[in-house]
């Protein structure tokens, strides 16, 4: 792991077009080598995009592996490049919403697009925030990851084991919560709501936290700029009348927003995750047939 981190550090000095193309090449190789993840990706795409031909889905899956690989190698720039270089490479649209965030408790909703770390860095260059964190098994990598994500401003990190109370406390103290809302963590604290027309176990935490604290929800999505020119980070307007009286409906509304953004940048959504692993009672896992 130390050798890999050292290699990433060396690569971060490369011009971004060179590093990006290197990431694409590694992604193409991994698409051929990682059969289990390729099968998961294609299963997700068959469920979510049945209108595509199988050939089109395979091509999309390959582009996803390239995008995912790029995001990993380009992370070295996020961790070690000077702030001046990052500001040249990150295009913030329409601008960082500092005034809006200052109006009250804020959830920065960041779905799982491969460039989500760019959104985190764009935010951390402006303000302190809190976020949920999964401790890495490798202690050295864990240290590097934490340092990279908090090198501009202090970041208060929570684990799932901490529960919701520290998050609520931080929001009430005026610390925005950078939230990743769209992974399958099982049926607990989740509802089955549509995602690309498929019932998906979706955490209701976004709606419940917003209801408990009066927090506004501002989505933030980061994607690649064309031509290996950097990244776009778009902060969307705060959702009006959210969550409303129906937590399930609010959760479905969140999924609809994420789906719309995934359709805009389909290769960059996190398709290698088993998003539909948890099923309604009596329904088989879509990943079971391949043994994945």
Protein backbone atom coordinates (compact mmCIF):
# COMPACT_ATOMS: atom_id res chain seq x y z
CA UNK A 1 0.00 0.00 0.00
CA UNK A 2 2.84 2.41 0.78
CA UNK A 3 4.32 1.77 -2.66
CA UNK A 4 0.92 2.44 -4.30
CA UNK A 5 0.51 5.73 -2.39
CA UNK A 6 4.05 6.75 -3.37
CA UNK A 7 3.20 5.97 -7.01
CA UNK A 8 0.05 8.12 -6.77
CA UNK A 9 2.12 10.94 -5.30
CA UNK A 10 4.54 10.75 -8.22
CA UNK A 11 1.71 10.68 -10.76
CA UNK A 12 0.03 13.78 -9.32
CA UNK A 13 2.82 15.90 -10.84
CA UNK A 14 1.74 14.87 -14.35
CA UNK A 15 -0.42 17.18 -16.47
CA UNK A 16 -4.05 16.20 -15.98
CA UNK A 17 -4.57 15.10 -19.64
CA UNK A 18 -1.69 12.61 -19.26
CA UNK A 19 -2.92 11.34 -15.90
CA UNK A 20 -6.49 11.11 -17.15
CA UNK A 21 -5.53 9.03 -20.16
CA UNK A 22 -3.45 6.78 -17.91
CA UNK A 23 -6.55 6.29 -15.75
CA UNK A 24 -8.62 5.43 -18.81
CA UNK A 25 -6.10 2.79 -19.87
CA UNK A 26 -6.04 1.20 -16.42
CA UNK A 27 -9.84 1.25 -16.35
CA UNK A 28 -10.04 -0.60 -19.67
CA UNK A 29 -7.67 -3.22 -18.30
CA UNK A 30 -9.68 -3.60 -15.09
CA UNK A 31 -12.89 -3.97 -17.08
CA UNK A 32 -11.42 -7.10 -18.63
CA UNK A 33 -9.87 -8.43 -15.40
CA UNK A 34 -12.51 -7.76 -12.72
CA UNK A 35 -15.24 -10.15 -13.80
CA UNK A 36 -17.29 -9.90 -10.60
CA UNK A 37 -17.48 -6.11 -10.67
CA UNK A 38 -18.16 -6.14 -14.40
CA UNK A 39 -21.09 -8.52 -13.81
CA UNK A 40 -22.49 -6.28 -11.05
CA UNK A 41 -22.21 -3.24 -13.30
CA UNK A 42 -23.94 -4.93 -16.21
CA UNK A 43 -26.71 -6.26 -13.93
CA UNK A 44 -27.35 -2.72 -12.68
CA UNK A 45 -27.41 -1.34 -16.20
CA UNK A 46 -29.83 -4.06 -17.39
CA UNK A 47 -32.18 -3.13 -14.55
CA UNK A 48 -31.84 0.63 -14.90
CA UNK A 49 -31.46 1.05 -18.65
CA UNK A 50 -33.42 -1.73 -20.37
CA UNK A 51 -33.91 0.56 -23.36
CA UNK A 52 -30.24 0.11 -24.29
CA UNK A 53 -28.99 -2.83 -26.29
CA UNK A 54 -26.60 -5.23 -24.59
CA UNK A 55 -23.81 -3.90 -26.77
CA UNK A 56 -24.58 -0.36 -25.64
CA UNK A 57 -24.62 -1.42 -21.99
CA UNK A 58 -21.24 -3.15 -22.33
CA UNK A 59 -19.79 0.00 -23.91
CA UNK A 60 -21.26 2.10 -21.10
CA UNK A 61 -19.89 -0.29 -18.47
CA UNK A 62 -16.42 0.00 -20.03
CA UNK A 63 -16.63 3.81 -19.91
CA UNK A 64 -17.68 3.56 -16.28
CA UNK A 65 -14.60 1.50 -15.39
CA UNK A 66 -12.47 4.10 -17.16
CA UNK A 67 -14.15 6.93 -15.27
CA UNK A 68 -13.85 5.14 -11.95
CA UNK A 69 -10.16 4.42 -12.56
CA UNK A 70 -9.53 8.04 -13.57
CA UNK A 71 -11.14 9.28 -10.39
CA UNK A 72 -8.86 7.10 -8.26
CA UNK A 73 -5.60 8.15 -9.90
CA UNK A 74 -6.62 11.79 -10.13
CA UNK A 75 -7.29 11.75 -6.41
CA UNK A 76 -3.55 12.33 -5.96
CA UNK A 77 -4.08 15.85 -7.31
CA UNK A 78 -6.84 16.40 -4.76
CA UNK A 79 -4.63 15.17 -1.92
CA UNK A 80 -1.32 16.86 -2.73
CA UNK A 81 -1.60 19.57 -5.38
CA UNK A 82 -1.46 23.19 -4.22
CA UNK A 83 -4.74 24.98 -3.84
CA UNK A 84 -3.93 27.28 -6.77
CA UNK A 85 -3.77 24.29 -9.12
CA UNK A 86 -7.03 22.89 -7.77
CA UNK A 87 -8.83 26.17 -8.30
CA UNK A 88 -7.67 26.18 -11.92
CA UNK A 89 -8.92 22.62 -12.47
CA UNK A 90 -12.23 22.76 -10.55
CA UNK A 91 -15.01 24.77 -12.17
CA UNK A 92 -17.63 25.60 -9.56
CA UNK A 93 -21.10 26.24 -10.97
CA UNK A 94 -22.81 28.63 -10.49
CA UNK A 95 -20.47 29.48 -7.58
CA UNK A 96 -19.98 28.34 -4.03
CA UNK A 97 -23.29 28.98 -2.16
CA UNK A 98 -21.73 30.48 0.97
CA UNK A 99 -24.57 32.96 1.54
CA UNK A 100 -27.22 30.24 1.22
CA UNK A 101 -25.36 27.92 3.60
CA UNK A 102 -25.04 30.72 6.13
CA UNK A 103 -28.84 31.02 6.37
CA UNK A 104 -29.21 27.91 8.51
CA UNK A 105 -28.47 24.22 9.01
CA UNK A 106 -27.43 22.67 5.70
CA UNK A 107 -27.17 19.17 4.27
CA UNK A 108 -24.88 19.06 1.24
CA UNK A 109 -26.29 16.06 -0.59
CA UNK A 110 -23.57 14.37 -2.65
CA UNK A 111 -24.65 11.16 -4.46
CA UNK A 112 -22.15 8.50 -5.48
CA UNK A 113 -20.66 9.81 -8.69
CA UNK A 114 -17.04 8.78 -9.22
CA UNK A 115 -15.79 12.36 -8.76
CA UNK A 116 -17.52 12.89 -5.42
CA UNK A 117 -14.14 13.58 -3.74
CA UNK A 118 -13.80 16.62 -5.99
CA UNK A 119 -17.04 17.99 -4.55
CA UNK A 120 -15.63 17.37 -1.08
CA UNK A 121 -12.43 19.27 -1.87
CA UNK A 122 -14.33 22.15 -3.52
CA UNK A 123 -16.39 22.45 -0.33
CA UNK A 124 -13.44 22.03 2.05
CA UNK A 125 -11.55 24.87 0.33
CA UNK A 126 -14.38 27.18 1.44
CA UNK A 127 -15.84 25.93 4.73
CA UNK A 128 -15.54 23.30 7.45
CA UNK A 129 -18.10 20.51 7.36
CA UNK A 130 -18.94 17.13 8.82
CA UNK A 131 -19.42 13.83 7.05
CA UNK A 132 -19.91 10.09 7.50
CA UNK A 133 -16.73 8.07 7.23
CA UNK A 134 -15.89 4.39 6.78
CA UNK A 135 -12.55 3.56 8.38
CA UNK A 136 -10.20 1.85 5.93
CA UNK A 137 -8.73 -1.54 6.76
CA UNK A 138 -5.20 -0.43 5.94
CA UNK A 139 -4.08 2.01 8.64
CA UNK A 140 -1.59 3.85 6.42
CA UNK A 141 -4.13 4.36 3.63
CA UNK A 142 -6.69 5.46 6.21
CA UNK A 143 -4.29 8.13 7.48
CA UNK A 144 -3.55 9.39 3.95
CA UNK A 145 -7.24 9.47 3.04
CA UNK A 146 -8.22 11.41 6.16
CA UNK A 147 -5.38 13.87 5.70
CA UNK A 148 -6.26 14.42 2.06
CA UNK A 149 -9.89 15.15 2.82
CA UNK A 150 -9.18 17.57 5.66
CA UNK A 151 -6.07 19.45 4.57
CA UNK A 152 -7.83 22.76 3.87
CA UNK A 153 -10.37 22.96 6.69
CA UNK A 154 -11.12 20.80 9.74
CA UNK A 155 -13.62 18.07 8.89
CA UNK A 156 -15.62 16.37 11.63
CA UNK A 157 -16.00 12.71 10.69
CA UNK A 158 -18.58 10.29 12.05
CA UNK A 159 -19.01 6.55 11.63
CA UNK A 160 -22.28 4.68 11.20
CA UNK A 161 -21.71 3.29 14.69
CA UNK A 162 -21.87 6.83 16.09
CA UNK A 163 -25.54 7.03 15.14
CA UNK A 164 -27.46 10.12 14.17
CA UNK A 165 -27.09 12.24 17.34
CA UNK A 166 -23.60 13.67 16.57
CA UNK A 167 -24.83 14.67 13.11
CA UNK A 168 -27.83 16.49 14.54
CA UNK A 169 -25.59 18.21 17.10
CA UNK A 170 -23.14 19.36 14.43
CA UNK A 171 -25.95 20.73 12.25
CA UNK A 172 -27.38 22.67 15.18
CA UNK A 173 -23.91 24.07 15.81
CA UNK A 174 -23.89 25.41 12.26
CA UNK A 175 -21.59 22.80 10.69
CA UNK A 176 -22.91 21.63 7.29
CA UNK A 177 -23.27 17.89 6.83
CA UNK A 178 -21.76 16.46 3.64
CA UNK A 179 -24.03 13.48 3.02
CA UNK A 180 -23.68 10.50 0.68
CA UNK A 181 -27.24 9.15 0.58
CA UNK A 182 -27.51 6.44 -2.07
CA UNK A 183 -25.94 3.14 -1.11
CA UNK A 184 -27.68 -0.06 -0.07
CA UNK A 185 -27.03 -0.58 3.64
CA UNK A 186 -29.85 -3.04 4.14
CA UNK A 187 -33.47 -2.68 5.17
CA UNK A 188 -32.84 -1.00 8.52
CA UNK A 189 -33.83 2.70 8.48
CA UNK A 190 -34.65 2.36 4.78
CA UNK A 191 -37.70 2.31 2.53
CA UNK A 192 -38.16 0.65 -0.84
CA UNK A 193 -38.64 3.52 -3.26
CA UNK A 194 -38.10 3.60 -7.03
CA UNK A 195 -34.67 4.13 -8.56
CA UNK A 196 -34.80 3.86 -12.35
CA UNK A 197 -38.17 2.23 -11.81
CA UNK A 198 -36.76 -0.54 -9.60
CA UNK A 199 -37.60 -0.71 -5.87
CA UNK A 200 -34.36 0.16 -4.06
CA UNK A 201 -33.73 0.01 -0.32
CA UNK A 202 -32.95 3.68 0.32
CA UNK A 203 -31.96 5.24 3.62
CA UNK A 204 -34.51 7.75 4.84
CA UNK A 205 -31.84 9.60 6.80
CA UNK A 206 -31.78 12.65 4.52
CA UNK A 207 -35.46 13.35 5.04
CA UNK A 208 -35.39 12.45 8.74
CA UNK A 209 -32.38 14.65 9.51
CA UNK A 210 -33.86 17.55 7.55
CA UNK A 211 -37.14 17.16 9.45
CA UNK A 212 -35.44 16.95 12.85
CA UNK A 213 -33.17 19.98 12.37
CA UNK A 214 -34.96 22.13 9.83
CA UNK A 215 -31.90 21.75 7.59
CA UNK A 216 -32.05 22.81 3.98
CA UNK A 217 -30.88 20.26 1.41
CA UNK A 218 -28.46 21.53 -1.24
CA UNK A 219 -27.39 18.84 -3.74
CA UNK A 220 -23.83 18.95 -5.10
CA UNK A 221 -22.66 16.87 -8.08
CA UNK A 222 -19.13 16.65 -9.47
CA UNK A 223 -18.35 15.36 -12.96
CA UNK A 224 -15.47 15.41 -15.44
CA UNK A 225 -15.00 18.36 -17.74
CA UNK A 226 -14.52 17.28 -21.38
CA UNK A 227 -11.05 17.02 -22.85
CA UNK A 228 -9.32 16.16 -19.56
CA UNK A 229 -9.57 19.83 -18.54
CA UNK A 230 -10.59 19.20 -14.94
CA UNK A 231 -13.85 18.81 -13.08
CA UNK A 232 -17.19 20.54 -12.75
CA UNK A 233 -18.77 20.93 -9.32
CA UNK A 234 -22.38 22.06 -9.47
CA UNK A 235 -24.22 23.24 -6.35
CA UNK A 236 -27.97 23.03 -6.95
CA UNK A 237 -30.57 25.27 -5.32
CA UNK A 238 -31.97 24.16 -1.98
CA UNK A 239 -34.99 21.90 -2.36
CA UNK A 240 -38.21 23.71 -1.59
CA UNK A 241 -40.67 22.28 0.96
CA UNK A 242 -38.40 19.37 1.81
CA UNK A 243 -39.01 16.91 3.33
CA UNK A 244 -42.70 17.64 3.83
CA UNK A 245 -45.00 15.41 5.88
CA UNK A 246 -44.28 12.11 4.08
CA UNK A 247 -40.77 10.73 4.68
CA UNK A 248 -41.21 7.97 2.09
CA UNK A 249 -42.31 10.43 -0.57
CA UNK A 250 -39.36 12.68 0.30
CA UNK A 251 -36.99 9.74 -0.09
CA UNK A 252 -38.49 8.90 -3.48
CA UNK A 253 -38.05 12.55 -4.48
CA UNK A 254 -34.36 12.30 -3.59
CA UNK A 255 -33.95 9.16 -5.71
CA UNK A 256 -35.68 10.84 -8.65
CA UNK A 257 -33.19 13.70 -8.47
CA UNK A 258 -30.21 11.31 -8.37
CA UNK A 259 -31.63 9.30 -11.27
CA UNK A 260 -31.99 12.44 -13.38
CA UNK A 261 -28.36 13.39 -12.74
CA UNK A 262 -27.19 9.82 -13.48
CA UNK A 263 -28.97 9.96 -16.83
CA UNK A 264 -27.07 13.15 -17.62
CA UNK A 265 -23.69 11.50 -16.88
CA UNK A 266 -24.39 7.76 -17.07
CA UNK A 267 -20.76 6.59 -17.18
CA UNK A 268 -19.92 8.45 -13.98
CA UNK A 269 -22.52 7.05 -11.60
CA UNK A 270 -21.31 4.33 -9.21
CA UNK A 271 -22.62 1.26 -11.03
CA UNK A 272 -20.17 -1.21 -9.47
CA UNK A 273 -22.10 -1.07 -6.17
CA UNK A 274 -24.85 -3.68 -5.54
CA UNK A 275 -27.52 -0.99 -5.38
CA UNK A 276 -30.37 -3.54 -5.48
CA UNK A 277 -28.87 -6.16 -3.14
CA UNK A 278 -31.59 -5.77 -0.50
CA UNK A 279 -34.93 -6.89 -1.90
CA UNK A 280 -38.54 -6.81 -0.73
CA UNK A 281 -39.56 -9.97 1.08
CA UNK A 282 -39.79 -12.94 -1.26
CA UNK A 283 -37.90 -11.29 -4.11
CA UNK A 284 -34.58 -12.81 -5.20
CA UNK A 285 -31.39 -10.78 -5.49
CA UNK A 286 -30.71 -9.78 -9.10
CA UNK A 287 -27.05 -10.58 -8.48
CA UNK A 288 -27.67 -14.17 -7.34
CA UNK A 289 -27.95 -15.75 -10.79
CA UNK A 290 -24.30 -15.07 -11.59
CA UNK A 291 -23.17 -16.07 -8.11
CA UNK A 292 -21.86 -12.54 -7.49
